[in-house]
Amino acid sequence: MATEKPQELTGWGLDDELWNTLPNGAVRDLKRFVRTGKDELAQNRIETLIEINEYRRGSTTDESTWFEASRAWEFGKNVKAIEAKEKAKAEKRAKVKARREAAEAEAEAASA
């Protein structure tokens, strides 16, 4: 990417190496966020781009690799969300089971 990076982006964690490989849409969005004072949006977008970059293979600037990496990142987020839901359900079932067993033990002790 041959366009100049706004200085604010460096302070928010976007290095020159990543900047130079970003797809055009991401560059356009980040510049607009800086220009319009939407710092939080810019920072969130940078965090997402850094995460997506971890899924990229190679250092090519080809936008198709960004698309593939973005899809892999989204899939990973979905998997994590499903795992978190399953963990919460398992914890809830364990609590219910523990309460039931405690109630049964109390009832058994009271009848003895």
C-alpha atoms as a PDB file:
ATOM      1  CA  MET A   1       0.000   0.000   0.000  1.00  0.00           C
ATOM      2  CA  ALA A   2       1.643   3.209  -1.155  1.00  0.00           C
ATOM      3  CA  THR A   3      -0.490   5.556   0.915  1.00  0.00           C
ATOM      4  CA  GLU A   4       0.742   7.428   3.968  1.00  0.00           C
ATOM      5  CA  LYS A   5      -0.345   6.081   7.336  1.00  0.00           C
ATOM      6  CA  PRO A   6      -1.889   8.546   9.800  1.00  0.00           C
ATOM      7  CA  GLN A   7       0.402   8.883  12.833  1.00  0.00           C
ATOM      8  CA  GLU A   8      -2.412   8.122  15.303  1.00  0.00           C
ATOM      9  CA  LEU A   9      -2.592   4.558  14.020  1.00  0.00           C
ATOM     10  CA  THR A  10       0.964   3.836  15.162  1.00  0.00           C
ATOM     11  CA  GLY A  11       0.039   4.857  18.691  1.00  0.00           C
ATOM     12  CA  TRP A  12      -2.874   2.439  18.584  1.00  0.00           C
ATOM     13  CA  GLY A  13      -0.692  -0.532  17.645  1.00  0.00           C
ATOM     14  CA  LEU A  14      -0.667  -0.561  13.839  1.00  0.00           C
ATOM     15  CA  ASP A  15       2.896  -0.989  12.613  1.00  0.00           C
ATOM     16  CA  ASP A  16       4.197  -0.086   9.156  1.00  0.00           C
ATOM     17  CA  GLU A  17       4.629  -3.714   8.145  1.00  0.00           C
ATOM     18  CA  LEU A  18       0.946  -4.502   8.693  1.00  0.00           C
ATOM     19  CA  TRP A  19      -0.157  -1.147   7.220  1.00  0.00           C
ATOM     20  CA  ASN A  20       1.639  -1.950   3.986  1.00  0.00           C
ATOM     21  CA  THR A  21      -0.245  -5.226   3.553  1.00  0.00           C
ATOM     22  CA  LEU A  22      -3.767  -4.057   4.458  1.00  0.00           C
ATOM     23  CA  PRO A  23      -6.499  -4.316   1.855  1.00  0.00           C
ATOM     24  CA  ASN A  24      -7.724  -1.038   0.365  1.00  0.00           C
ATOM     25  CA  GLY A  25     -11.009  -1.118   2.274  1.00  0.00           C
ATOM     26  CA  ALA A  26      -9.274  -1.370   5.646  1.00  0.00           C
ATOM     27  CA  VAL A  27      -6.940   1.515   4.789  1.00  0.00           C
ATOM     28  CA  ARG A  28      -9.863   3.646   3.662  1.00  0.00           C
ATOM     29  CA  ASP A  29     -11.833   2.861   6.843  1.00  0.00           C
ATOM     30  CA  LEU A  30      -8.933   3.576   9.165  1.00  0.00           C
ATOM     31  CA  LYS A  31      -8.178   6.906   7.489  1.00  0.00           C
ATOM     32  CA  ARG A  32     -11.841   7.885   7.702  1.00  0.00           C
ATOM     33  CA  PHE A  33     -12.032   6.906  11.387  1.00  0.00           C
ATOM     34  CA  VAL A  34      -9.001   9.099  12.143  1.00  0.00           C
ATOM     35  CA  ARG A  35     -10.299  11.984  10.024  1.00  0.00           C
ATOM     36  CA  THR A  36     -13.736  11.924  11.702  1.00  0.00           C
ATOM     37  CA  GLY A  37     -12.396  11.445  15.239  1.00  0.00           C
ATOM     38  CA  LYS A  38     -13.795   7.941  15.689  1.00  0.00           C
ATOM     39  CA  ASP A  39     -10.807   6.765  17.693  1.00  0.00           C
ATOM     40  CA  GLU A  40     -12.565   3.842  19.354  1.00  0.00           C
ATOM     41  CA  LEU A  41     -13.717   2.437  16.016  1.00  0.00           C
ATOM     42  CA  ALA A  42     -10.198   2.771  14.655  1.00  0.00           C
ATOM     43  CA  GLN A  43      -8.696   1.032  17.674  1.00  0.00           C
ATOM     44  CA  ASN A  44     -11.230  -1.803  17.488  1.00  0.00           C
ATOM     45  CA  ARG A  45     -10.587  -2.210  13.758  1.00  0.00           C
ATOM     46  CA  ILE A  46      -6.824  -2.332  14.359  1.00  0.00           C
ATOM     47  CA  GLU A  47      -7.262  -5.050  16.998  1.00  0.00           C
ATOM     48  CA  THR A  48      -9.371  -7.049  14.552  1.00  0.00           C
ATOM     49  CA  LEU A  49      -6.888  -6.570  11.705  1.00  0.00           C
ATOM     50  CA  ILE A  50      -4.033  -7.724  13.930  1.00  0.00           C
ATOM     51  CA  GLU A  51      -6.010 -10.838  14.869  1.00  0.00           C
ATOM     52  CA  ILE A  52      -6.933 -11.547  11.243  1.00  0.00           C
ATOM     53  CA  ASN A  53      -3.315 -11.051  10.200  1.00  0.00           C
ATOM     54  CA  GLU A  54      -2.363 -13.974  12.455  1.00  0.00           C
ATOM     55  CA  TYR A  55      -4.435 -16.220  10.167  1.00  0.00           C
ATOM     56  CA  ARG A  56      -2.745 -15.042   6.971  1.00  0.00           C
ATOM     57  CA  ARG A  57      -0.323 -17.276   5.150  1.00  0.00           C
ATOM     58  CA  GLY A  58       2.668 -15.450   3.744  1.00  0.00           C
ATOM     59  CA  SER A  59       3.221 -11.729   3.467  1.00  0.00           C
ATOM     60  CA  THR A  60       1.515 -11.135   0.153  1.00  0.00           C
ATOM     61  CA  THR A  61      -0.711  -8.078  -0.234  1.00  0.00           C
ATOM     62  CA  ASP A  62      -3.219 -10.085  -2.247  1.00  0.00           C
ATOM     63  CA  GLU A  63      -6.693  -9.217  -0.954  1.00  0.00           C
ATOM     64  CA  SER A  64      -7.841 -12.826  -1.420  1.00  0.00           C
ATOM     65  CA  THR A  65      -5.472 -13.889   1.368  1.00  0.00           C
ATOM     66  CA  TRP A  66      -7.088 -11.251   3.592  1.00  0.00           C
ATOM     67  CA  PHE A  67     -10.509 -12.606   2.656  1.00  0.00           C
ATOM     68  CA  GLU A  68      -9.456 -16.163   3.492  1.00  0.00           C
ATOM     69  CA  ALA A  69      -7.830 -15.032   6.740  1.00  0.00           C
ATOM     70  CA  SER A  70     -10.947 -13.051   7.654  1.00  0.00           C
ATOM     71  CA  ARG A  71     -13.133 -16.102   7.128  1.00  0.00           C
ATOM     72  CA  ALA A  72     -10.781 -18.244   9.219  1.00  0.00           C
ATOM     73  CA  TRP A  73     -10.815 -15.603  11.967  1.00  0.00           C
ATOM     74  CA  GLU A  74     -14.639 -15.470  11.945  1.00  0.00           C
ATOM     75  CA  PHE A  75     -14.807 -19.259  12.091  1.00  0.00           C
ATOM     76  CA  GLY A  76     -12.408 -19.237  15.048  1.00  0.00           C
ATOM     77  CA  LYS A  77     -14.557 -16.657  16.846  1.00  0.00           C
ATOM     78  CA  ASN A  78     -17.666 -18.761  16.229  1.00  0.00           C
ATOM     79  CA  VAL A  79     -15.959 -21.872  17.563  1.00  0.00           C
ATOM     80  CA  LYS A  80     -14.849 -19.995  20.682  1.00  0.00           C
ATOM     81  CA  ALA A  81     -18.392 -18.701  21.222  1.00  0.00           C
ATOM     82  CA  ILE A  82     -19.842 -22.201  20.894  1.00  0.00           C
ATOM     83  CA  GLU A  83     -17.240 -23.585  23.277  1.00  0.00           C
ATOM     84  CA  ALA A  84     -18.034 -20.849  25.806  1.00  0.00           C
ATOM     85  CA  LYS A  85     -21.767 -21.637  25.615  1.00  0.00           C
ATOM     86  CA  GLU A  86     -21.110 -25.347  26.037  1.00  0.00           C
ATOM     87  CA  LYS A  87     -18.864 -24.664  29.029  1.00  0.00           C
ATOM     88  CA  ALA A  88     -21.532 -22.465  30.638  1.00  0.00           C
ATOM     89  CA  LYS A  89     -24.167 -25.162  30.094  1.00  0.00           C
ATOM     90  CA  ALA A  90     -21.904 -27.829  31.586  1.00  0.00           C
ATOM     91  CA  GLU A  91     -21.224 -25.643  34.634  1.00  0.00           C
ATOM     92  CA  LYS A  92     -24.946 -25.039  35.072  1.00  0.00           C
ATOM     93  CA  ARG A  93     -25.683 -28.784  34.816  1.00  0.00           C
ATOM     94  CA  ALA A  94     -22.966 -29.479  37.389  1.00  0.00           C
ATOM     95  CA  LYS A  95     -24.489 -26.962  39.821  1.00  0.00           C
ATOM     96  CA  VAL A  96     -27.970 -28.410  39.352  1.00  0.00           C
ATOM     97  CA  LYS A  97     -26.622 -31.912  39.906  1.00  0.00           C
ATOM     98  CA  ALA A  98     -24.747 -30.835  43.051  1.00  0.00           C
ATOM     99  CA  ARG A  99     -27.899 -29.180  44.469  1.00  0.00           C
ATOM    100  CA  ARG A 100     -29.976 -32.256  43.654  1.00  0.00           C
ATOM    101  CA  GLU A 101     -27.453 -34.594  45.270  1.00  0.00           C
ATOM    102  CA  ALA A 102     -27.258 -32.346  48.339  1.00  0.00           C
ATOM    103  CA  ALA A 103     -31.060 -32.329  48.631  1.00  0.00           C
ATOM    104  CA  GLU A 104     -31.161 -36.112  48.262  1.00  0.00           C
ATOM    105  CA  ALA A 105     -28.470 -36.510  50.916  1.00  0.00           C
ATOM    106  CA  GLU A 106     -30.410 -34.198  53.257  1.00  0.00           C
ATOM    107  CA  ALA A 107     -33.590 -36.132  52.688  1.00  0.00           C
ATOM    108  CA  GLU A 108     -31.812 -39.408  53.288  1.00  0.00           C
ATOM    109  CA  ALA A 109     -30.211 -38.092  56.492  1.00  0.00           C
ATOM    110  CA  ALA A 110     -33.560 -36.783  57.737  1.00  0.00           C
ATOM    111  CA  SER A 111     -35.283 -40.132  57.168  1.00  0.00           C
ATOM    112  CA  ALA A 112     -32.585 -42.106  58.932  1.00  0.00           C
END
